[in-house]
C-alpha atoms as a PDB file:
ATOM      1  CA  MET A   1      -7.535 -32.851  34.634  1.00  0.00           C
ATOM      2  CA  ASP A   2      -8.780 -30.459  37.286  1.00  0.00           C
ATOM      3  CA  GLN A   3     -10.491 -27.118  36.666  1.00  0.00           C
ATOM      4  CA  GLU A   4      -7.477 -24.948  37.572  1.00  0.00           C
ATOM      5  CA  THR A   5      -5.233 -26.760  35.104  1.00  0.00           C
ATOM      6  CA  ARG A   6      -7.792 -26.325  32.329  1.00  0.00           C
ATOM      7  CA  VAL A   7      -8.155 -22.643  33.078  1.00  0.00           C
ATOM      8  CA  ALA A   8      -4.355 -22.218  33.085  1.00  0.00           C
ATOM      9  CA  LEU A   9      -4.055 -23.998  29.727  1.00  0.00           C
ATOM     10  CA  LEU A  10      -6.853 -21.927  28.230  1.00  0.00           C
ATOM     11  CA  GLU A  11      -5.222 -18.755  29.494  1.00  0.00           C
ATOM     12  CA  GLN A  12      -1.901 -19.749  27.971  1.00  0.00           C
ATOM     13  CA  SER A  13      -3.563 -20.592  24.649  1.00  0.00           C
ATOM     14  CA  TYR A  14      -5.418 -17.285  24.683  1.00  0.00           C
ATOM     15  CA  LYS A  15      -2.181 -15.362  25.238  1.00  0.00           C
ATOM     16  CA  GLN A  16      -0.539 -17.188  22.333  1.00  0.00           C
ATOM     17  CA  VAL A  17      -3.458 -16.436  20.018  1.00  0.00           C
ATOM     18  CA  GLU A  18      -3.451 -12.803  21.122  1.00  0.00           C
ATOM     19  CA  ALA A  19       0.286 -12.516  20.391  1.00  0.00           C
ATOM     20  CA  ARG A  20      -0.224 -13.977  16.916  1.00  0.00           C
ATOM     21  CA  ILE A  21      -3.073 -11.580  16.200  1.00  0.00           C
ATOM     22  CA  ASP A  22      -0.900  -8.654  17.293  1.00  0.00           C
ATOM     23  CA  LYS A  23       1.831  -9.746  14.861  1.00  0.00           C
ATOM     24  CA  ILE A  24      -0.726 -10.015  12.041  1.00  0.00           C
ATOM     25  CA  GLU A  25      -2.063  -6.534  12.812  1.00  0.00           C
ATOM     26  CA  VAL A  26       1.449  -5.080  12.615  1.00  0.00           C
ATOM     27  CA  LYS A  27       2.098  -6.811   9.290  1.00  0.00           C
ATOM     28  CA  LEU A  28      -1.222  -5.551   7.891  1.00  0.00           C
ATOM     29  CA  ASP A  29      -0.372  -1.996   8.938  1.00  0.00           C
ATOM     30  CA  ASP A  30       3.014  -2.280   7.226  1.00  0.00           C
ATOM     31  CA  LEU A  31       1.371  -3.655   4.091  1.00  0.00           C
ATOM     32  CA  LYS A  32      -1.132  -0.784   4.067  1.00  0.00           C
ATOM     33  CA  ASP A  33       1.690   1.756   4.358  1.00  0.00           C
ATOM     34  CA  ASP A  34       3.608   0.091   1.518  1.00  0.00           C
ATOM     35  CA  MET A  35       0.539   0.080  -0.707  1.00  0.00           C
ATOM     36  CA  ASN A  36      -0.174   3.744  -0.009  1.00  0.00           C
ATOM     37  CA  SER A  37       3.388   4.815  -0.811  1.00  0.00           C
ATOM     38  CA  GLY A  38       3.370   2.720  -3.996  1.00  0.00           C
ATOM     39  CA  GLN A  39       0.093   4.277  -5.088  1.00  0.00           C
ATOM     40  CA  LYS A  40       1.416   7.784  -4.497  1.00  0.00           C
ATOM     41  CA  SER A  41       4.482   6.978  -6.583  1.00  0.00           C
ATOM     42  CA  LEU A  42       2.309   5.623  -9.386  1.00  0.00           C
ATOM     43  CA  ILE A  43       0.152   8.755  -9.399  1.00  0.00           C
ATOM     44  CA  LYS A  44       3.255  10.942  -9.683  1.00  0.00           C
ATOM     45  CA  THR A  45       4.465   8.843 -12.620  1.00  0.00           C
ATOM     46  CA  VAL A  46       1.124   9.223 -14.382  1.00  0.00           C
ATOM     47  CA  TYR A  47       1.201  13.012 -13.910  1.00  0.00           C
ATOM     48  CA  VAL A  48       4.725  13.287 -15.292  1.00  0.00           C
ATOM     49  CA  THR A  49       3.816  11.122 -18.276  1.00  0.00           C
ATOM     50  CA  MET A  50       0.714  13.194 -18.973  1.00  0.00           C
ATOM     51  CA  ALA A  51       2.755  16.403 -18.798  1.00  0.00           C
ATOM     52  CA  ALA A  52       5.335  14.999 -21.217  1.00  0.00           C
ATOM     53  CA  MET A  53       2.655  13.850 -23.664  1.00  0.00           C
ATOM     54  CA  THR A  54       0.946  17.249 -23.497  1.00  0.00           C
ATOM     55  CA  THR A  55       4.252  18.951 -24.266  1.00  0.00           C
ATOM     56  CA  VAL A  56       4.805  16.694 -27.283  1.00  0.00           C
ATOM     57  CA  ILE A  57       1.300  17.345 -28.608  1.00  0.00           C
ATOM     58  CA  ILE A  58       1.656  21.105 -28.193  1.00  0.00           C
ATOM     59  CA  SER A  59       5.047  20.989 -29.929  1.00  0.00           C
ATOM     60  CA  ALA A  60       3.587  18.965 -32.822  1.00  0.00           C
ATOM     61  CA  ILE A  61       0.761  21.473 -33.225  1.00  0.00           C
ATOM     62  CA  GLY A  62       3.302  24.297 -33.219  1.00  0.00           C
ATOM     63  CA  VAL A  63       5.342  22.594 -35.950  1.00  0.00           C
ATOM     64  CA  MET A  64       2.234  22.004 -38.074  1.00  0.00           C
ATOM     65  CA  ILE A  65       1.166  25.617 -37.735  1.00  0.00           C
ATOM     66  CA  SER A  66       4.616  26.898 -38.645  1.00  0.00           C
ATOM     67  CA  MET A  67       4.678  24.702 -41.784  1.00  0.00           C
ATOM     68  CA  THR A  68       1.507  26.215 -43.205  1.00  0.00           C
END
């Protein structure tokens, strides 16, 4: 195999590897975006749950005070 053929094959292989890496980078970016949106949703759920629990506790204290 002559030198030009080897260089052409290496160039083709390099382009294929580069294309695969580009696809992986895109998928990683999408995964990062999905994880960030999921985390934001989870934080909102925790805040709503904490607010609801605080309301219940305050209501229970109010009932106990009114019974005495």
